[in-house]
């Protein structure tokens, strides 16, 4: 009787044991944290190379964590270019644990002023001197900007011409640079004024520049201070100027603007700009309008060589005037023809 009574209970235990499901052990997962340093934010792409799926693409500032990624997933983390920063190399990692990838953006080094030499004999007409007259003389780099419609001149750097007529400017103190928006005389940097028609494409409206500089011999043994043009060795007849940009940027402009002289008088001028600035010092060619009817102003970037040459530009600078508010008249006459800068 006892065995008979226990049989149903034993069968019941067996049945219950067989119906319990085996627990499912979840596959291991890990997280990936991506951190951007140096730049405020950067375009970042995270790609799962195992499945070719893009896990993330967009601007990333600070850090972002991607959780619950399968173990052994292979991920490629890429940071795209950020203006004025060096782009870090892509990184590929395998998730065998929680991982962190740091994209470190470092500032692009500012382009330096090149070394050079002086040839006073390569002037024109009365502006030809003996080359050796430059040896031992002070060489000035002067910046020009406008405050309240008055031209101001600042000595940016000074060096002494070596006996072999070479020179090297010291690094310019950034505090001395009076930088201005790229299109300050057009009004709103994001759009052309109503008086101008055409196209103007700017890569970064925040670019600030010092576009007008002069180089001159600051000596007493030569008659007055001699204004010098910057030229490249392969194109000695193409006068250039040093310009400074606080970041990289481009400007492509072809516009025609109307300038109202009075209620009944106006004239048009054309501006053609093809500028491609690196952060730091650059070379630009400025071609002032020469024709009286529909004048055209041209400004374009020129690649910076390792060595430049200075030669008389064809005008004297007024000695010592860079330190005051009254500009050298020959310099002022040249630059007031430009309408944008």
C-alpha atoms as a PDB file:
ATOM      1  CA  UNK A   1       0.000   0.000   0.000  1.00  0.00           C
ATOM      2  CA  UNK A   2       2.783   2.443   0.799  1.00  0.00           C
ATOM      3  CA  UNK A   3       4.590   1.785  -2.486  1.00  0.00           C
ATOM      4  CA  UNK A   4       1.383   2.216  -4.442  1.00  0.00           C
ATOM      5  CA  UNK A   5       0.691   5.481  -2.663  1.00  0.00           C
ATOM      6  CA  UNK A   6       4.145   6.878  -3.412  1.00  0.00           C
ATOM      7  CA  UNK A   7       4.241   6.065  -7.126  1.00  0.00           C
ATOM      8  CA  UNK A   8       2.068   8.938  -8.288  1.00  0.00           C
ATOM      9  CA  UNK A   9       4.158  11.391  -6.261  1.00  0.00           C
ATOM     10  CA  UNK A  10       7.422  10.093  -7.791  1.00  0.00           C
ATOM     11  CA  UNK A  11       6.018  10.363 -11.252  1.00  0.00           C
ATOM     12  CA  UNK A  12       4.887  13.872 -10.474  1.00  0.00           C
ATOM     13  CA  UNK A  13       8.398  14.874  -9.368  1.00  0.00           C
ATOM     14  CA  UNK A  14       9.872  13.481 -12.564  1.00  0.00           C
ATOM     15  CA  UNK A  15       7.386  15.348 -14.694  1.00  0.00           C
ATOM     16  CA  UNK A  16       8.053  18.647 -12.902  1.00  0.00           C
ATOM     17  CA  UNK A  17      11.793  18.274 -13.235  1.00  0.00           C
ATOM     18  CA  UNK A  18      11.602  17.695 -16.994  1.00  0.00           C
ATOM     19  CA  UNK A  19       9.498  20.843 -17.586  1.00  0.00           C
ATOM     20  CA  UNK A  20      11.943  23.411 -16.047  1.00  0.00           C
ATOM     21  CA  UNK A  21      13.641  25.399 -18.951  1.00  0.00           C
ATOM     22  CA  UNK A  22      17.403  25.727 -19.069  1.00  0.00           C
ATOM     23  CA  UNK A  23      18.433  29.320 -18.176  1.00  0.00           C
ATOM     24  CA  UNK A  24      19.662  31.354 -21.186  1.00  0.00           C
ATOM     25  CA  UNK A  25      23.052  32.909 -20.517  1.00  0.00           C
ATOM     26  CA  UNK A  26      23.221  36.295 -22.311  1.00  0.00           C
ATOM     27  CA  UNK A  27      26.122  36.837 -24.685  1.00  0.00           C
ATOM     28  CA  UNK A  28      28.737  39.139 -23.154  1.00  0.00           C
ATOM     29  CA  UNK A  29      28.648  42.784 -24.217  1.00  0.00           C
ATOM     30  CA  UNK A  30      30.968  45.692 -23.671  1.00  0.00           C
ATOM     31  CA  UNK A  31      30.906  49.454 -24.087  1.00  0.00           C
ATOM     32  CA  UNK A  32      32.965  51.900 -26.131  1.00  0.00           C
ATOM     33  CA  UNK A  33      33.553  55.473 -24.968  1.00  0.00           C
ATOM     34  CA  UNK A  34      34.786  57.996 -27.545  1.00  0.00           C
ATOM     35  CA  UNK A  35      36.349  61.207 -26.237  1.00  0.00           C
ATOM     36  CA  UNK A  36      37.306  64.321 -28.225  1.00  0.00           C
ATOM     37  CA  UNK A  37      40.012  66.535 -26.729  1.00  0.00           C
ATOM     38  CA  UNK A  38      41.669  69.740 -27.940  1.00  0.00           C
ATOM     39  CA  UNK A  39      38.806  70.942 -30.139  1.00  0.00           C
ATOM     40  CA  UNK A  40      35.424  71.980 -28.746  1.00  0.00           C
ATOM     41  CA  UNK A  41      33.781  69.421 -31.017  1.00  0.00           C
ATOM     42  CA  UNK A  42      34.633  67.370 -34.073  1.00  0.00           C
ATOM     43  CA  UNK A  43      32.834  65.332 -36.739  1.00  0.00           C
ATOM     44  CA  UNK A  44      33.187  61.694 -35.664  1.00  0.00           C
ATOM     45  CA  UNK A  45      32.221  58.415 -37.338  1.00  0.00           C
ATOM     46  CA  UNK A  46      32.118  55.059 -35.531  1.00  0.00           C
ATOM     47  CA  UNK A  47      31.844  52.059 -37.872  1.00  0.00           C
ATOM     48  CA  UNK A  48      31.283  48.413 -36.933  1.00  0.00           C
ATOM     49  CA  UNK A  49      33.714  46.769 -39.349  1.00  0.00           C
ATOM     50  CA  UNK A  50      32.320  43.346 -38.488  1.00  0.00           C
ATOM     51  CA  UNK A  51      28.907  44.221 -39.944  1.00  0.00           C
ATOM     52  CA  UNK A  52      29.858  47.402 -41.908  1.00  0.00           C
ATOM     53  CA  UNK A  53      27.214  49.232 -39.915  1.00  0.00           C
ATOM     54  CA  UNK A  54      27.767  52.881 -39.013  1.00  0.00           C
ATOM     55  CA  UNK A  55      27.072  53.061 -35.293  1.00  0.00           C
ATOM     56  CA  UNK A  56      27.399  56.852 -35.124  1.00  0.00           C
ATOM     57  CA  UNK A  57      28.199  59.817 -37.324  1.00  0.00           C
ATOM     58  CA  UNK A  58      27.947  63.458 -36.364  1.00  0.00           C
ATOM     59  CA  UNK A  59      29.466  66.208 -34.254  1.00  0.00           C
ATOM     60  CA  UNK A  60      30.857  65.037 -30.939  1.00  0.00           C
ATOM     61  CA  UNK A  61      31.970  67.290 -28.114  1.00  0.00           C
ATOM     62  CA  UNK A  62      33.434  65.810 -24.956  1.00  0.00           C
ATOM     63  CA  UNK A  63      32.573  62.095 -24.620  1.00  0.00           C
ATOM     64  CA  UNK A  64      29.928  59.648 -25.806  1.00  0.00           C
ATOM     65  CA  UNK A  65      29.475  56.030 -24.664  1.00  0.00           C
ATOM     66  CA  UNK A  66      28.100  53.267 -26.871  1.00  0.00           C
ATOM     67  CA  UNK A  67      26.788  50.466 -24.638  1.00  0.00           C
ATOM     68  CA  UNK A  68      25.764  46.819 -25.092  1.00  0.00           C
ATOM     69  CA  UNK A  69      28.043  46.074 -28.016  1.00  0.00           C
ATOM     70  CA  UNK A  70      28.736  42.353 -28.598  1.00  0.00           C
ATOM     71  CA  UNK A  71      32.028  40.944 -27.402  1.00  0.00           C
ATOM     72  CA  UNK A  72      34.830  40.945 -30.002  1.00  0.00           C
ATOM     73  CA  UNK A  73      33.090  43.559 -32.146  1.00  0.00           C
ATOM     74  CA  UNK A  74      35.687  45.425 -34.220  1.00  0.00           C
ATOM     75  CA  UNK A  75      35.076  49.178 -34.385  1.00  0.00           C
ATOM     76  CA  UNK A  76      36.797  51.913 -36.377  1.00  0.00           C
ATOM     77  CA  UNK A  77      36.703  55.429 -34.894  1.00  0.00           C
ATOM     78  CA  UNK A  78      37.475  58.324 -37.241  1.00  0.00           C
ATOM     79  CA  UNK A  79      37.633  62.036 -36.523  1.00  0.00           C
ATOM     80  CA  UNK A  80      37.232  64.404 -39.479  1.00  0.00           C
ATOM     81  CA  UNK A  81      39.002  67.701 -40.095  1.00  0.00           C
ATOM     82  CA  UNK A  82      38.451  70.678 -37.785  1.00  0.00           C
ATOM     83  CA  UNK A  83      39.672  74.081 -38.956  1.00  0.00           C
ATOM     84  CA  UNK A  84      43.058  75.071 -37.488  1.00  0.00           C
ATOM     85  CA  UNK A  85      43.578  71.668 -35.837  1.00  0.00           C
ATOM     86  CA  UNK A  86      45.651  68.637 -36.825  1.00  0.00           C
ATOM     87  CA  UNK A  87      43.341  65.699 -37.596  1.00  0.00           C
ATOM     88  CA  UNK A  88      44.131  62.625 -35.451  1.00  0.00           C
ATOM     89  CA  UNK A  89      44.695  59.243 -37.085  1.00  0.00           C
ATOM     90  CA  UNK A  90      41.762  56.758 -37.186  1.00  0.00           C
ATOM     91  CA  UNK A  91      41.757  54.074 -34.500  1.00  0.00           C
ATOM     92  CA  UNK A  92      40.496  50.481 -34.758  1.00  0.00           C
ATOM     93  CA  UNK A  93      39.788  48.439 -31.615  1.00  0.00           C
ATOM     94  CA  UNK A  94      38.331  45.040 -30.702  1.00  0.00           C
ATOM     95  CA  UNK A  95      35.887  44.907 -27.794  1.00  0.00           C
ATOM     96  CA  UNK A  96      37.244  42.202 -25.511  1.00  0.00           C
ATOM     97  CA  UNK A  97      36.533  44.553 -22.584  1.00  0.00           C
ATOM     98  CA  UNK A  98      35.107  48.028 -22.029  1.00  0.00           C
ATOM     99  CA  UNK A  99      37.263  50.354 -24.138  1.00  0.00           C
ATOM    100  CA  UNK A 100      37.931  54.092 -24.470  1.00  0.00           C
ATOM    101  CA  UNK A 101      39.191  55.810 -27.620  1.00  0.00           C
ATOM    102  CA  UNK A 102      40.501  59.374 -27.408  1.00  0.00           C
ATOM    103  CA  UNK A 103      40.686  61.584 -30.495  1.00  0.00           C
ATOM    104  CA  UNK A 104      43.215  64.284 -29.621  1.00  0.00           C
ATOM    105  CA  UNK A 105      43.104  67.419 -31.772  1.00  0.00           C
ATOM    106  CA  UNK A 106      46.183  69.626 -31.542  1.00  0.00           C
ATOM    107  CA  UNK A 107      46.317  73.197 -32.909  1.00  0.00           C
ATOM    108  CA  UNK A 108      47.936  73.610 -36.309  1.00  0.00           C
ATOM    109  CA  UNK A 109      51.244  75.441 -35.808  1.00  0.00           C
ATOM    110  CA  UNK A 110      51.101  78.987 -37.138  1.00  0.00           C
ATOM    111  CA  UNK A 111      53.030  79.522 -40.362  1.00  0.00           C
ATOM    112  CA  UNK A 112      56.180  81.527 -39.682  1.00  0.00           C
ATOM    113  CA  UNK A 113      57.626  84.449 -41.579  1.00  0.00           C
ATOM    114  CA  UNK A 114      60.200  83.153 -44.062  1.00  0.00           C
ATOM    115  CA  UNK A 115      63.871  84.027 -44.094  1.00  0.00           C
ATOM    116  CA  UNK A 116      65.137  86.184 -46.907  1.00  0.00           C
ATOM    117  CA  UNK A 117      67.645  88.585 -48.368  1.00  0.00           C
ATOM    118  CA  UNK A 118      67.661  92.177 -49.630  1.00  0.00           C
ATOM    119  CA  UNK A 119      68.713  93.458 -53.044  1.00  0.00           C
ATOM    120  CA  UNK A 120      68.544  97.251 -53.201  1.00  0.00           C
ATOM    121  CA  UNK A 121      69.942  97.160 -56.739  1.00  0.00           C
ATOM    122  CA  UNK A 122      66.735  95.558 -58.032  1.00  0.00           C
ATOM    123  CA  UNK A 123      64.636  98.703 -57.717  1.00  0.00           C
ATOM    124  CA  UNK A 124      63.394 100.882 -60.558  1.00  0.00           C
ATOM    125  CA  UNK A 125      64.625 104.291 -61.756  1.00  0.00           C
ATOM    126  CA  UNK A 126      65.673 106.491 -58.862  1.00  0.00           C
ATOM    127  CA  UNK A 127      64.902 103.675 -56.430  1.00  0.00           C
ATOM    128  CA  UNK A 128      68.105 101.754 -57.193  1.00  0.00           C
ATOM    129  CA  UNK A 129      70.846 101.607 -54.570  1.00  0.00           C
ATOM    130  CA  UNK A 130      73.981  99.636 -53.859  1.00  0.00           C
ATOM    131  CA  UNK A 131      73.107  96.246 -52.390  1.00  0.00           C
ATOM    132  CA  UNK A 132      75.702  96.551 -49.651  1.00  0.00           C
ATOM    133  CA  UNK A 133      74.045  99.736 -48.345  1.00  0.00           C
ATOM    134  CA  UNK A 134      71.487  97.476 -46.649  1.00  0.00           C
ATOM    135  CA  UNK A 135      74.072  95.615 -44.551  1.00  0.00           C
ATOM    136  CA  UNK A 136      73.778  96.437 -40.854  1.00  0.00           C
ATOM    137  CA  UNK A 137      70.572  98.432 -41.323  1.00  0.00           C
ATOM    138  CA  UNK A 138      67.400  97.947 -39.305  1.00  0.00           C
ATOM    139  CA  UNK A 139      64.606  96.199 -41.164  1.00  0.00           C
ATOM    140  CA  UNK A 140      61.036  96.880 -40.017  1.00  0.00           C
ATOM    141  CA  UNK A 141      57.834  94.915 -40.532  1.00  0.00           C
ATOM    142  CA  UNK A 142      54.929  97.320 -40.080  1.00  0.00           C
ATOM    143  CA  UNK A 143      51.216  96.572 -39.813  1.00  0.00           C
ATOM    144  CA  UNK A 144      48.491  98.948 -40.926  1.00  0.00           C
ATOM    145  CA  UNK A 145      44.905  99.042 -39.689  1.00  0.00           C
ATOM    146  CA  UNK A 146      42.155 101.648 -39.576  1.00  0.00           C
ATOM    147  CA  UNK A 147      40.546 103.068 -36.447  1.00  0.00           C
ATOM    148  CA  UNK A 148      37.747 105.623 -36.803  1.00  0.00           C
ATOM    149  CA  UNK A 149      38.697 106.143 -40.455  1.00  0.00           C
ATOM    150  CA  UNK A 150      42.296 106.964 -39.502  1.00  0.00           C
ATOM    151  CA  UNK A 151      45.183 104.733 -40.573  1.00  0.00           C
ATOM    152  CA  UNK A 152      47.289 103.430 -37.685  1.00  0.00           C
ATOM    153  CA  UNK A 153      50.751 101.912 -38.049  1.00  0.00           C
ATOM    154  CA  UNK A 154      52.338  99.420 -35.639  1.00  0.00           C
ATOM    155  CA  UNK A 155      55.898  98.119 -35.609  1.00  0.00           C
ATOM    156  CA  UNK A 156      55.393  94.345 -35.570  1.00  0.00           C
ATOM    157  CA  UNK A 157      58.986  93.146 -35.789  1.00  0.00           C
ATOM    158  CA  UNK A 158      62.473  94.502 -36.333  1.00  0.00           C
ATOM    159  CA  UNK A 159      65.722  92.807 -37.265  1.00  0.00           C
ATOM    160  CA  UNK A 160      69.183  93.749 -38.495  1.00  0.00           C
ATOM    161  CA  UNK A 161      70.322  92.960 -42.026  1.00  0.00           C
ATOM    162  CA  UNK A 162      73.350  90.660 -41.919  1.00  0.00           C
ATOM    163  CA  UNK A 163      76.624  91.455 -43.748  1.00  0.00           C
ATOM    164  CA  UNK A 164      75.653  88.898 -46.414  1.00  0.00           C
ATOM    165  CA  UNK A 165      72.348  90.818 -46.846  1.00  0.00           C
ATOM    166  CA  UNK A 166      70.212  88.056 -45.322  1.00  0.00           C
ATOM    167  CA  UNK A 167      67.577  88.636 -42.640  1.00  0.00           C
ATOM    168  CA  UNK A 168      65.347  86.708 -40.263  1.00  0.00           C
ATOM    169  CA  UNK A 169      62.425  88.396 -38.537  1.00  0.00           C
ATOM    170  CA  UNK A 170      61.789  87.406 -34.912  1.00  0.00           C
ATOM    171  CA  UNK A 171      58.440  85.870 -34.028  1.00  0.00           C
ATOM    172  CA  UNK A 172      55.739  88.531 -33.966  1.00  0.00           C
ATOM    173  CA  UNK A 173      53.937  89.096 -30.665  1.00  0.00           C
ATOM    174  CA  UNK A 174      50.298  88.185 -31.331  1.00  0.00           C
ATOM    175  CA  UNK A 175      49.176  91.037 -29.067  1.00  0.00           C
ATOM    176  CA  UNK A 176      50.519  93.515 -31.644  1.00  0.00           C
ATOM    177  CA  UNK A 177      48.353  92.160 -34.440  1.00  0.00           C
ATOM    178  CA  UNK A 178      45.221  94.223 -35.119  1.00  0.00           C
ATOM    179  CA  UNK A 179      43.039  91.615 -36.801  1.00  0.00           C
ATOM    180  CA  UNK A 180      39.820  92.401 -38.659  1.00  0.00           C
ATOM    181  CA  UNK A 181      36.987  90.344 -40.167  1.00  0.00           C
ATOM    182  CA  UNK A 182      37.667  89.245 -43.708  1.00  0.00           C
ATOM    183  CA  UNK A 183      35.008  91.439 -45.327  1.00  0.00           C
ATOM    184  CA  UNK A 184      34.681  94.227 -42.799  1.00  0.00           C
ATOM    185  CA  UNK A 185      34.200  96.920 -45.441  1.00  0.00           C
ATOM    186  CA  UNK A 186      31.444  94.986 -47.106  1.00  0.00           C
ATOM    187  CA  UNK A 187      29.346  95.183 -43.965  1.00  0.00           C
ATOM    188  CA  UNK A 188      27.836  91.853 -42.963  1.00  0.00           C
ATOM    189  CA  UNK A 189      30.492  89.177 -43.452  1.00  0.00           C
ATOM    190  CA  UNK A 190      27.807  86.595 -44.171  1.00  0.00           C
ATOM    191  CA  UNK A 191      26.252  88.403 -47.135  1.00  0.00           C
ATOM    192  CA  UNK A 192      26.952  91.020 -49.757  1.00  0.00           C
ATOM    193  CA  UNK A 193      25.493  94.496 -49.257  1.00  0.00           C
ATOM    194  CA  UNK A 194      22.753  95.729 -51.557  1.00  0.00           C
ATOM    195  CA  UNK A 195      25.275  97.843 -53.470  1.00  0.00           C
ATOM    196  CA  UNK A 196      27.212  94.738 -54.606  1.00  0.00           C
ATOM    197  CA  UNK A 197      26.124  92.048 -57.030  1.00  0.00           C
ATOM    198  CA  UNK A 198      27.917  88.801 -57.756  1.00  0.00           C
ATOM    199  CA  UNK A 199      29.198  85.806 -55.842  1.00  0.00           C
ATOM    200  CA  UNK A 200      31.239  85.601 -52.674  1.00  0.00           C
ATOM    201  CA  UNK A 201      31.924  82.239 -51.038  1.00  0.00           C
ATOM    202  CA  UNK A 202      33.676  82.203 -47.687  1.00  0.00           C
ATOM    203  CA  UNK A 203      34.694  78.999 -45.912  1.00  0.00           C
ATOM    204  CA  UNK A 204      34.702  80.501 -42.414  1.00  0.00           C
ATOM    205  CA  UNK A 205      33.175  83.931 -41.663  1.00  0.00           C
ATOM    206  CA  UNK A 206      35.062  83.991 -38.355  1.00  0.00           C
ATOM    207  CA  UNK A 207      38.475  84.337 -40.037  1.00  0.00           C
ATOM    208  CA  UNK A 208      40.265  87.474 -38.843  1.00  0.00           C
ATOM    209  CA  UNK A 209      43.169  88.989 -40.722  1.00  0.00           C
ATOM    210  CA  UNK A 210      45.895  91.560 -40.887  1.00  0.00           C
ATOM    211  CA  UNK A 211      46.016  92.163 -44.623  1.00  0.00           C
ATOM    212  CA  UNK A 212      48.121  95.298 -44.904  1.00  0.00           C
ATOM    213  CA  UNK A 213      51.787  95.210 -43.982  1.00  0.00           C
ATOM    214  CA  UNK A 214      54.870  97.093 -45.120  1.00  0.00           C
ATOM    215  CA  UNK A 215      58.558  96.229 -44.972  1.00  0.00           C
ATOM    216  CA  UNK A 216      61.116  99.017 -44.965  1.00  0.00           C
ATOM    217  CA  UNK A 217      64.746  99.811 -44.283  1.00  0.00           C
ATOM    218  CA  UNK A 218      64.930 101.905 -41.121  1.00  0.00           C
ATOM    219  CA  UNK A 219      68.376 103.417 -41.667  1.00  0.00           C
ATOM    220  CA  UNK A 220      69.955 106.855 -41.621  1.00  0.00           C
ATOM    221  CA  UNK A 221      72.773 106.232 -44.090  1.00  0.00           C
ATOM    222  CA  UNK A 222      70.310 105.915 -46.944  1.00  0.00           C
ATOM    223  CA  UNK A 223      68.222 108.901 -47.975  1.00  0.00           C
ATOM    224  CA  UNK A 224      65.040 108.330 -46.009  1.00  0.00           C
ATOM    225  CA  UNK A 225      63.357 105.039 -45.160  1.00  0.00           C
ATOM    226  CA  UNK A 226      63.069 102.807 -48.190  1.00  0.00           C
ATOM    227  CA  UNK A 227      59.834 100.911 -48.649  1.00  0.00           C
ATOM    228  CA  UNK A 228      60.502  97.345 -49.796  1.00  0.00           C
ATOM    229  CA  UNK A 229      58.353  94.937 -51.769  1.00  0.00           C
ATOM    230  CA  UNK A 230      58.321  91.225 -50.995  1.00  0.00           C
ATOM    231  CA  UNK A 231      59.068  89.073 -54.044  1.00  0.00           C
ATOM    232  CA  UNK A 232      59.808  85.429 -54.705  1.00  0.00           C
ATOM    233  CA  UNK A 233      63.111  84.447 -56.292  1.00  0.00           C
ATOM    234  CA  UNK A 234      61.393  82.989 -59.357  1.00  0.00           C
ATOM    235  CA  UNK A 235      59.165  86.060 -59.931  1.00  0.00           C
ATOM    236  CA  UNK A 236      61.157  89.146 -58.851  1.00  0.00           C
ATOM    237  CA  UNK A 237      58.831  91.554 -60.692  1.00  0.00           C
ATOM    238  CA  UNK A 238      55.686  90.439 -58.852  1.00  0.00           C
ATOM    239  CA  UNK A 239      55.375  92.526 -55.647  1.00  0.00           C
ATOM    240  CA  UNK A 240      53.701  90.771 -52.731  1.00  0.00           C
ATOM    241  CA  UNK A 241      52.788  91.470 -49.116  1.00  0.00           C
ATOM    242  CA  UNK A 242      52.823  89.519 -45.894  1.00  0.00           C
ATOM    243  CA  UNK A 243      49.364  88.881 -44.394  1.00  0.00           C
ATOM    244  CA  UNK A 244      48.363  87.162 -41.153  1.00  0.00           C
ATOM    245  CA  UNK A 245      45.313  84.946 -40.510  1.00  0.00           C
ATOM    246  CA  UNK A 246      44.161  83.682 -37.116  1.00  0.00           C
ATOM    247  CA  UNK A 247      42.922  80.436 -38.729  1.00  0.00           C
ATOM    248  CA  UNK A 248      42.738  78.737 -42.111  1.00  0.00           C
ATOM    249  CA  UNK A 249      40.082  79.927 -44.543  1.00  0.00           C
ATOM    250  CA  UNK A 250      39.235  80.639 -48.150  1.00  0.00           C
ATOM    251  CA  UNK A 251      37.420  83.416 -49.982  1.00  0.00           C
ATOM    252  CA  UNK A 252      36.326  83.305 -53.620  1.00  0.00           C
ATOM    253  CA  UNK A 253      34.772  86.589 -54.714  1.00  0.00           C
ATOM    254  CA  UNK A 254      33.683  88.098 -58.026  1.00  0.00           C
ATOM    255  CA  UNK A 255      31.461  91.098 -57.376  1.00  0.00           C
ATOM    256  CA  UNK A 256      30.635  94.453 -58.905  1.00  0.00           C
ATOM    257  CA  UNK A 257      29.852  97.196 -56.400  1.00  0.00           C
ATOM    258  CA  UNK A 258      28.368 100.644 -56.871  1.00  0.00           C
ATOM    259  CA  UNK A 259      29.897 103.476 -54.861  1.00  0.00           C
ATOM    260  CA  UNK A 260      27.706 106.550 -54.432  1.00  0.00           C
ATOM    261  CA  UNK A 261      29.860 109.697 -54.481  1.00  0.00           C
ATOM    262  CA  UNK A 262      26.980 112.165 -54.312  1.00  0.00           C
ATOM    263  CA  UNK A 263      23.276 112.284 -55.060  1.00  0.00           C
ATOM    264  CA  UNK A 264      24.022 112.475 -58.771  1.00  0.00           C
ATOM    265  CA  UNK A 265      27.392 110.740 -59.065  1.00  0.00           C
ATOM    266  CA  UNK A 266      28.401 107.124 -58.618  1.00  0.00           C
ATOM    267  CA  UNK A 267      30.855 104.651 -60.062  1.00  0.00           C
ATOM    268  CA  UNK A 268      31.239 100.898 -60.223  1.00  0.00           C
ATOM    269  CA  UNK A 269      34.245  98.773 -59.405  1.00  0.00           C
ATOM    270  CA  UNK A 270      34.881  95.069 -59.637  1.00  0.00           C
ATOM    271  CA  UNK A 271      36.570  92.960 -56.953  1.00  0.00           C
ATOM    272  CA  UNK A 272      38.180  89.613 -57.755  1.00  0.00           C
ATOM    273  CA  UNK A 273      39.497  87.729 -54.728  1.00  0.00           C
ATOM    274  CA  UNK A 274      40.980  84.248 -54.661  1.00  0.00           C
ATOM    275  CA  UNK A 275      42.328  83.815 -51.145  1.00  0.00           C
ATOM    276  CA  UNK A 276      43.426  80.618 -49.443  1.00  0.00           C
ATOM    277  CA  UNK A 277      44.865  81.390 -46.024  1.00  0.00           C
ATOM    278  CA  UNK A 278      46.820  79.156 -43.716  1.00  0.00           C
ATOM    279  CA  UNK A 279      46.860  79.884 -40.007  1.00  0.00           C
ATOM    280  CA  UNK A 280      49.701  82.330 -39.425  1.00  0.00           C
ATOM    281  CA  UNK A 281      51.686  84.245 -42.023  1.00  0.00           C
ATOM    282  CA  UNK A 282      50.801  84.165 -45.721  1.00  0.00           C
ATOM    283  CA  UNK A 283      51.742  85.913 -48.944  1.00  0.00           C
ATOM    284  CA  UNK A 284      49.176  87.851 -50.982  1.00  0.00           C
ATOM    285  CA  UNK A 285      49.311  89.702 -54.260  1.00  0.00           C
ATOM    286  CA  UNK A 286      47.344  92.936 -54.331  1.00  0.00           C
ATOM    287  CA  UNK A 287      46.709  94.546 -57.708  1.00  0.00           C
ATOM    288  CA  UNK A 288      45.216  97.985 -57.216  1.00  0.00           C
ATOM    289  CA  UNK A 289      42.730  99.402 -59.746  1.00  0.00           C
ATOM    290  CA  UNK A 290      44.556 101.381 -62.427  1.00  0.00           C
ATOM    291  CA  UNK A 291      41.856 102.182 -64.939  1.00  0.00           C
ATOM    292  CA  UNK A 292      39.515 105.106 -64.306  1.00  0.00           C
ATOM    293  CA  UNK A 293      36.421 103.465 -65.800  1.00  0.00           C
ATOM    294  CA  UNK A 294      35.052 100.364 -64.068  1.00  0.00           C
ATOM    295  CA  UNK A 295      38.244  99.715 -62.080  1.00  0.00           C
ATOM    296  CA  UNK A 296      39.077  96.187 -60.929  1.00  0.00           C
ATOM    297  CA  UNK A 297      40.768  95.279 -57.650  1.00  0.00           C
ATOM    298  CA  UNK A 298      42.470  91.879 -57.515  1.00  0.00           C
ATOM    299  CA  UNK A 299      43.740  90.038 -54.452  1.00  0.00           C
ATOM    300  CA  UNK A 300      45.012  86.474 -54.485  1.00  0.00           C
ATOM    301  CA  UNK A 301      47.053  84.137 -52.351  1.00  0.00           C
ATOM    302  CA  UNK A 302      50.568  83.087 -53.313  1.00  0.00           C
ATOM    303  CA  UNK A 303      52.285  79.981 -51.872  1.00  0.00           C
ATOM    304  CA  UNK A 304      54.833  80.906 -49.203  1.00  0.00           C
ATOM    305  CA  UNK A 305      58.374  79.835 -50.152  1.00  0.00           C
ATOM    306  CA  UNK A 306      61.120  79.110 -47.638  1.00  0.00           C
ATOM    307  CA  UNK A 307      63.057  82.179 -48.782  1.00  0.00           C
ATOM    308  CA  UNK A 308      61.865  85.549 -50.074  1.00  0.00           C
ATOM    309  CA  UNK A 309      63.599  88.655 -51.361  1.00  0.00           C
ATOM    310  CA  UNK A 310      63.011  92.303 -50.516  1.00  0.00           C
ATOM    311  CA  UNK A 311      63.652  94.986 -53.125  1.00  0.00           C
ATOM    312  CA  UNK A 312      62.736  98.688 -53.388  1.00  0.00           C
ATOM    313  CA  UNK A 313      59.044  98.975 -54.181  1.00  0.00           C
ATOM    314  CA  UNK A 314      59.304 102.275 -56.019  1.00  0.00           C
ATOM    315  CA  UNK A 315      58.357 104.683 -53.235  1.00  0.00           C
ATOM    316  CA  UNK A 316      59.861 106.096 -50.075  1.00  0.00           C
ATOM    317  CA  UNK A 317      58.193 105.616 -46.735  1.00  0.00           C
ATOM    318  CA  UNK A 318      58.166 108.600 -44.408  1.00  0.00           C
ATOM    319  CA  UNK A 319      60.718 107.728 -41.750  1.00  0.00           C
ATOM    320  CA  UNK A 320      59.314 107.075 -38.308  1.00  0.00           C
ATOM    321  CA  UNK A 321      55.696 107.631 -39.297  1.00  0.00           C
ATOM    322  CA  UNK A 322      54.662 104.087 -38.392  1.00  0.00           C
ATOM    323  CA  UNK A 323      54.629 105.037 -34.729  1.00  0.00           C
ATOM    324  CA  UNK A 324      52.008 107.757 -35.043  1.00  0.00           C
ATOM    325  CA  UNK A 325      48.522 108.177 -36.408  1.00  0.00           C
ATOM    326  CA  UNK A 326      49.533 110.125 -39.513  1.00  0.00           C
ATOM    327  CA  UNK A 327      50.240 107.602 -42.276  1.00  0.00           C
ATOM    328  CA  UNK A 328      52.956 107.959 -44.924  1.00  0.00           C
ATOM    329  CA  UNK A 329      51.120 109.677 -47.739  1.00  0.00           C
ATOM    330  CA  UNK A 330      52.547 107.499 -50.510  1.00  0.00           C
ATOM    331  CA  UNK A 331      51.473 104.365 -48.660  1.00  0.00           C
ATOM    332  CA  UNK A 332      48.057 105.792 -47.843  1.00  0.00           C
ATOM    333  CA  UNK A 333      47.453 106.856 -51.447  1.00  0.00           C
ATOM    334  CA  UNK A 334      48.177 103.330 -52.587  1.00  0.00           C
ATOM    335  CA  UNK A 335      45.880 101.614 -50.109  1.00  0.00           C
ATOM    336  CA  UNK A 336      42.905 103.928 -50.078  1.00  0.00           C
ATOM    337  CA  UNK A 337      42.193 102.796 -53.630  1.00  0.00           C
ATOM    338  CA  UNK A 338      41.151  99.430 -52.227  1.00  0.00           C
ATOM    339  CA  UNK A 339      37.497  99.371 -51.264  1.00  0.00           C
ATOM    340  CA  UNK A 340      37.219  96.134 -49.298  1.00  0.00           C
ATOM    341  CA  UNK A 341      40.211  96.188 -46.967  1.00  0.00           C
END
